[in-house]
Amino acid sequence: MHNHFSGQIRRDKRQIMYANSYKTISSNIATSDKKWLVVDVQGMVLGRAASQIAMLLRGKHKPLYSPHADCGDNVIVLNADKIRLTGTKWDNKEYIRHTSYPGGQRVMTAKEMMAKHPTRMVEKAVRGMLPKNRLGRKLFSNMRVYVGDTHPHDAQSPETYELKS
């Protein structure tokens, strides 16, 4: 047997639900609270530090995270020349590039890369963990890597951020 009032009750519940529903807040550049963070990677393993730095750049540590927007922080990485690699990676890890000429493939080991360009190992590790699109390129520009303990960004009053070791 059909209940005469069931439609009315269902309709009232729907209206109550619509009235009490909350809107999902989508973070964007205007609403994100971008900070400057200083990260010291001295004695840390390269990949573990890079994954945490990529998370900070992306903004995944914030409650208002949006995958389509630049809502991460600006990160200053110090002591990039004192990063650690495990195992035999100093001799076996290779960085391959190409000059765009025939036969122009160049190979450099991690030890050679650290001697020639100390900041580039951290940059390459973090860049590989960011999205491969326009957003990833914009996020990568929010990172500054330095050799040693000093940086020229005191005017931004950065906060120190302790990475998990």
C-alpha atoms as a PDB file:
ATOM      1  CA  MET A   1       0.000   0.000   0.000  1.00  0.00           C
ATOM      2  CA  HIS A   2       1.300   3.459  -0.937  1.00  0.00           C
ATOM      3  CA  ASN A   3       1.898   6.008   1.812  1.00  0.00           C
ATOM      4  CA  HIS A   4       0.390   9.354   0.862  1.00  0.00           C
ATOM      5  CA  PHE A   5       2.891  11.478   2.829  1.00  0.00           C
ATOM      6  CA  SER A   6       6.141   9.757   1.831  1.00  0.00           C
ATOM      7  CA  GLY A   7       6.711  12.069  -1.148  1.00  0.00           C
ATOM      8  CA  GLN A   8       6.205  15.162   0.979  1.00  0.00           C
ATOM      9  CA  ILE A   9       8.644  13.931   3.644  1.00  0.00           C
ATOM     10  CA  ARG A  10      11.291  13.036   1.037  1.00  0.00           C
ATOM     11  CA  ARG A  11      10.955  16.467  -0.581  1.00  0.00           C
ATOM     12  CA  ASP A  12      11.333  18.218   2.807  1.00  0.00           C
ATOM     13  CA  LYS A  13      14.472  16.227   3.618  1.00  0.00           C
ATOM     14  CA  ARG A  14      15.962  17.196   0.253  1.00  0.00           C
ATOM     15  CA  GLN A  15      15.284  20.876   0.868  1.00  0.00           C
ATOM     16  CA  ILE A  16      16.842  20.674   4.335  1.00  0.00           C
ATOM     17  CA  MET A  17      19.907  18.949   2.904  1.00  0.00           C
ATOM     18  CA  TYR A  18      20.335  21.642   0.236  1.00  0.00           C
ATOM     19  CA  ALA A  19      19.979  24.398   2.808  1.00  0.00           C
ATOM     20  CA  ASN A  20      22.601  22.881   5.120  1.00  0.00           C
ATOM     21  CA  SER A  21      25.097  21.741   2.500  1.00  0.00           C
ATOM     22  CA  TYR A  22      28.541  23.315   2.454  1.00  0.00           C
ATOM     23  CA  LYS A  23      30.370  24.570  -0.577  1.00  0.00           C
ATOM     24  CA  THR A  24      33.736  23.032  -1.356  1.00  0.00           C
ATOM     25  CA  ILE A  25      36.421  25.691  -1.155  1.00  0.00           C
ATOM     26  CA  SER A  26      38.896  25.461  -4.018  1.00  0.00           C
ATOM     27  CA  SER A  27      42.213  27.101  -3.271  1.00  0.00           C
ATOM     28  CA  ASN A  28      43.882  29.319  -5.855  1.00  0.00           C
ATOM     29  CA  ILE A  29      46.759  31.798  -5.924  1.00  0.00           C
ATOM     30  CA  ALA A  30      44.615  34.558  -4.391  1.00  0.00           C
ATOM     31  CA  THR A  31      43.357  32.462  -1.465  1.00  0.00           C
ATOM     32  CA  SER A  32      46.532  30.459  -0.761  1.00  0.00           C
ATOM     33  CA  ASP A  33      48.726  31.694   2.047  1.00  0.00           C
ATOM     34  CA  LYS A  34      52.161  31.440   0.432  1.00  0.00           C
ATOM     35  CA  LYS A  35      55.088  31.500   2.853  1.00  0.00           C
ATOM     36  CA  TRP A  36      58.858  31.349   2.478  1.00  0.00           C
ATOM     37  CA  LEU A  37      60.437  28.274   4.055  1.00  0.00           C
ATOM     38  CA  VAL A  38      64.125  27.546   4.654  1.00  0.00           C
ATOM     39  CA  VAL A  39      65.115  23.876   4.451  1.00  0.00           C
ATOM     40  CA  ASP A  40      68.554  22.591   5.462  1.00  0.00           C
ATOM     41  CA  VAL A  41      69.407  19.325   3.680  1.00  0.00           C
ATOM     42  CA  GLN A  42      72.821  18.786   5.279  1.00  0.00           C
ATOM     43  CA  GLY A  43      73.414  15.057   5.804  1.00  0.00           C
ATOM     44  CA  MET A  44      70.021  14.059   4.386  1.00  0.00           C
ATOM     45  CA  VAL A  45      69.458  11.415   1.714  1.00  0.00           C
ATOM     46  CA  LEU A  46      68.786  13.083  -1.657  1.00  0.00           C
ATOM     47  CA  GLY A  47      65.546  11.352  -2.664  1.00  0.00           C
ATOM     48  CA  ARG A  48      63.919  11.534   0.760  1.00  0.00           C
ATOM     49  CA  ALA A  49      64.658  15.243   1.067  1.00  0.00           C
ATOM     50  CA  ALA A  50      63.548  15.921  -2.525  1.00  0.00           C
ATOM     51  CA  SER A  51      60.170  14.242  -2.036  1.00  0.00           C
ATOM     52  CA  GLN A  52      59.434  16.403   1.012  1.00  0.00           C
ATOM     53  CA  ILE A  53      60.567  19.563  -0.799  1.00  0.00           C
ATOM     54  CA  ALA A  54      58.318  18.672  -3.749  1.00  0.00           C
ATOM     55  CA  MET A  55      55.407  18.255  -1.319  1.00  0.00           C
ATOM     56  CA  LEU A  56      56.082  21.733   0.122  1.00  0.00           C
ATOM     57  CA  LEU A  57      56.283  23.276  -3.362  1.00  0.00           C
ATOM     58  CA  ARG A  58      53.047  21.579  -4.390  1.00  0.00           C
ATOM     59  CA  GLY A  59      51.200  22.651  -1.222  1.00  0.00           C
ATOM     60  CA  LYS A  60      50.136  19.185  -0.112  1.00  0.00           C
ATOM     61  CA  HIS A  61      51.014  19.973   3.509  1.00  0.00           C
ATOM     62  CA  LYS A  62      48.249  22.594   3.683  1.00  0.00           C
ATOM     63  CA  PRO A  63      44.594  21.905   4.490  1.00  0.00           C
ATOM     64  CA  LEU A  64      43.466  23.870   1.411  1.00  0.00           C
ATOM     65  CA  TYR A  65      45.291  21.925  -1.309  1.00  0.00           C
ATOM     66  CA  SER A  66      44.208  22.153  -4.930  1.00  0.00           C
ATOM     67  CA  PRO A  67      45.952  20.004  -7.526  1.00  0.00           C
ATOM     68  CA  HIS A  68      45.343  22.530 -10.311  1.00  0.00           C
ATOM     69  CA  ALA A  69      46.725  25.651  -8.594  1.00  0.00           C
ATOM     70  CA  ASP A  70      50.035  26.981  -7.308  1.00  0.00           C
ATOM     71  CA  CYS A  71      49.145  26.972  -3.610  1.00  0.00           C
ATOM     72  CA  GLY A  72      52.513  25.754  -2.297  1.00  0.00           C
ATOM     73  CA  ASP A  73      55.224  27.682  -0.515  1.00  0.00           C
ATOM     74  CA  ASN A  74      58.485  29.182  -1.725  1.00  0.00           C
ATOM     75  CA  VAL A  75      61.322  26.925  -0.559  1.00  0.00           C
ATOM     76  CA  ILE A  76      64.954  27.918   0.029  1.00  0.00           C
ATOM     77  CA  VAL A  77      67.253  24.877   0.138  1.00  0.00           C
ATOM     78  CA  LEU A  78      70.559  25.290   1.971  1.00  0.00           C
ATOM     79  CA  ASN A  79      73.696  23.088   2.069  1.00  0.00           C
ATOM     80  CA  ALA A  80      72.929  21.342  -1.224  1.00  0.00           C
ATOM     81  CA  ASP A  81      76.602  20.345  -1.455  1.00  0.00           C
ATOM     82  CA  LYS A  82      76.302  18.285   1.766  1.00  0.00           C
ATOM     83  CA  ILE A  83      73.542  15.957   0.530  1.00  0.00           C
ATOM     84  CA  ARG A  84      73.966  12.198   0.983  1.00  0.00           C
ATOM     85  CA  LEU A  85      73.576   9.308  -1.453  1.00  0.00           C
ATOM     86  CA  THR A  86      73.264   5.719  -0.261  1.00  0.00           C
ATOM     87  CA  GLY A  87      75.094   2.668  -1.527  1.00  0.00           C
ATOM     88  CA  THR A  88      77.353   3.065  -4.561  1.00  0.00           C
ATOM     89  CA  LYS A  89      75.294   5.823  -6.168  1.00  0.00           C
ATOM     90  CA  TRP A  90      78.165   8.339  -6.097  1.00  0.00           C
ATOM     91  CA  ASP A  91      79.918   6.231  -8.757  1.00  0.00           C
ATOM     92  CA  ASN A  92      76.991   4.409 -10.433  1.00  0.00           C
ATOM     93  CA  LYS A  93      74.254   7.068 -10.659  1.00  0.00           C
ATOM     94  CA  GLU A  94      74.416   8.754 -14.058  1.00  0.00           C
ATOM     95  CA  TYR A  95      72.935  12.024 -15.267  1.00  0.00           C
ATOM     96  CA  ILE A  96      72.357  11.814 -19.017  1.00  0.00           C
ATOM     97  CA  ARG A  97      71.783  14.814 -21.282  1.00  0.00           C
ATOM     98  CA  HIS A  98      71.910  15.430 -25.023  1.00  0.00           C
ATOM     99  CA  THR A  99      73.365  18.394 -26.891  1.00  0.00           C
ATOM    100  CA  SER A 100      70.819  18.035 -29.766  1.00  0.00           C
ATOM    101  CA  TYR A 101      73.627  17.226 -32.174  1.00  0.00           C
ATOM    102  CA  PRO A 102      74.225  13.749 -33.648  1.00  0.00           C
ATOM    103  CA  GLY A 103      76.237  11.681 -31.199  1.00  0.00           C
ATOM    104  CA  GLY A 104      75.807  14.389 -28.579  1.00  0.00           C
ATOM    105  CA  GLN A 105      74.812  12.252 -25.609  1.00  0.00           C
ATOM    106  CA  ARG A 106      76.791  13.225 -22.517  1.00  0.00           C
ATOM    107  CA  VAL A 107      76.950  11.206 -19.304  1.00  0.00           C
ATOM    108  CA  MET A 108      78.026  12.535 -15.915  1.00  0.00           C
ATOM    109  CA  THR A 109      78.241  10.537 -12.677  1.00  0.00           C
ATOM    110  CA  ALA A 110      76.870  11.883  -9.403  1.00  0.00           C
ATOM    111  CA  LYS A 111      80.396  12.541  -8.119  1.00  0.00           C
ATOM    112  CA  GLU A 112      81.245  14.598 -11.220  1.00  0.00           C
ATOM    113  CA  MET A 113      77.928  16.450 -11.015  1.00  0.00           C
ATOM    114  CA  MET A 114      78.548  17.374  -7.375  1.00  0.00           C
ATOM    115  CA  ALA A 115      82.043  18.637  -8.214  1.00  0.00           C
ATOM    116  CA  LYS A 116      80.880  20.697 -11.207  1.00  0.00           C
ATOM    117  CA  HIS A 117      77.324  21.827 -10.269  1.00  0.00           C
ATOM    118  CA  PRO A 118      76.600  21.141  -6.559  1.00  0.00           C
ATOM    119  CA  THR A 119      73.030  22.523  -6.628  1.00  0.00           C
ATOM    120  CA  ARG A 120      71.906  20.694  -9.748  1.00  0.00           C
ATOM    121  CA  MET A 121      71.481  17.274  -8.106  1.00  0.00           C
ATOM    122  CA  VAL A 122      68.839  18.619  -5.731  1.00  0.00           C
ATOM    123  CA  GLU A 123      67.179  20.589  -8.543  1.00  0.00           C
ATOM    124  CA  LYS A 124      66.952  17.563 -10.830  1.00  0.00           C
ATOM    125  CA  ALA A 125      65.631  15.317  -8.051  1.00  0.00           C
ATOM    126  CA  VAL A 126      62.873  17.765  -7.081  1.00  0.00           C
ATOM    127  CA  ARG A 127      61.958  18.608 -10.683  1.00  0.00           C
ATOM    128  CA  GLY A 128      61.433  14.913 -11.410  1.00  0.00           C
ATOM    129  CA  MET A 129      58.882  14.740  -8.570  1.00  0.00           C
ATOM    130  CA  LEU A 130      56.782  17.672  -9.795  1.00  0.00           C
ATOM    131  CA  PRO A 131      54.082  17.507 -12.516  1.00  0.00           C
ATOM    132  CA  LYS A 132      55.357  17.543 -16.090  1.00  0.00           C
ATOM    133  CA  ASN A 133      53.281  20.500 -17.312  1.00  0.00           C
ATOM    134  CA  ARG A 134      52.971  24.296 -17.012  1.00  0.00           C
ATOM    135  CA  LEU A 135      52.063  24.043 -13.350  1.00  0.00           C
ATOM    136  CA  GLY A 136      55.147  21.930 -12.610  1.00  0.00           C
ATOM    137  CA  ARG A 137      57.403  24.469 -14.308  1.00  0.00           C
ATOM    138  CA  LYS A 138      55.815  27.291 -12.287  1.00  0.00           C
ATOM    139  CA  LEU A 139      56.177  25.317  -9.044  1.00  0.00           C
ATOM    140  CA  PHE A 140      59.842  24.629  -9.805  1.00  0.00           C
ATOM    141  CA  SER A 141      60.485  28.368 -10.095  1.00  0.00           C
ATOM    142  CA  ASN A 142      59.390  28.696  -6.433  1.00  0.00           C
ATOM    143  CA  MET A 143      62.510  26.814  -5.259  1.00  0.00           C
ATOM    144  CA  ARG A 144      65.949  28.317  -4.701  1.00  0.00           C
ATOM    145  CA  VAL A 145      68.941  26.053  -4.011  1.00  0.00           C
ATOM    146  CA  TYR A 146      72.170  27.320  -2.445  1.00  0.00           C
ATOM    147  CA  VAL A 147      75.549  25.918  -1.482  1.00  0.00           C
ATOM    148  CA  GLY A 148      76.354  26.702   2.137  1.00  0.00           C
ATOM    149  CA  ASP A 149      74.324  28.222   4.984  1.00  0.00           C
ATOM    150  CA  THR A 150      73.602  31.692   3.596  1.00  0.00           C
ATOM    151  CA  HIS A 151      70.923  32.962   1.235  1.00  0.00           C
ATOM    152  CA  PRO A 152      69.967  36.436  -0.075  1.00  0.00           C
ATOM    153  CA  HIS A 153      66.252  36.176   0.844  1.00  0.00           C
ATOM    154  CA  ASP A 154      66.253  37.717   4.337  1.00  0.00           C
ATOM    155  CA  ALA A 155      63.819  40.434   3.157  1.00  0.00           C
ATOM    156  CA  GLN A 156      61.114  37.766   2.715  1.00  0.00           C
ATOM    157  CA  SER A 157      61.513  36.784   6.417  1.00  0.00           C
ATOM    158  CA  PRO A 158      61.527  33.028   5.770  1.00  0.00           C
ATOM    159  CA  GLU A 159      60.632  30.468   8.411  1.00  0.00           C
ATOM    160  CA  THR A 160      62.827  27.430   9.065  1.00  0.00           C
ATOM    161  CA  TYR A 161      61.148  24.134   8.237  1.00  0.00           C
ATOM    162  CA  GLU A 162      62.488  20.881   9.668  1.00  0.00           C
ATOM    163  CA  LEU A 163      62.355  17.967   7.227  1.00  0.00           C
ATOM    164  CA  LYS A 164      61.785  14.450   8.513  1.00  0.00           C
ATOM    165  CA  SER A 165      65.059  12.551   8.380  1.00  0.00           C
END
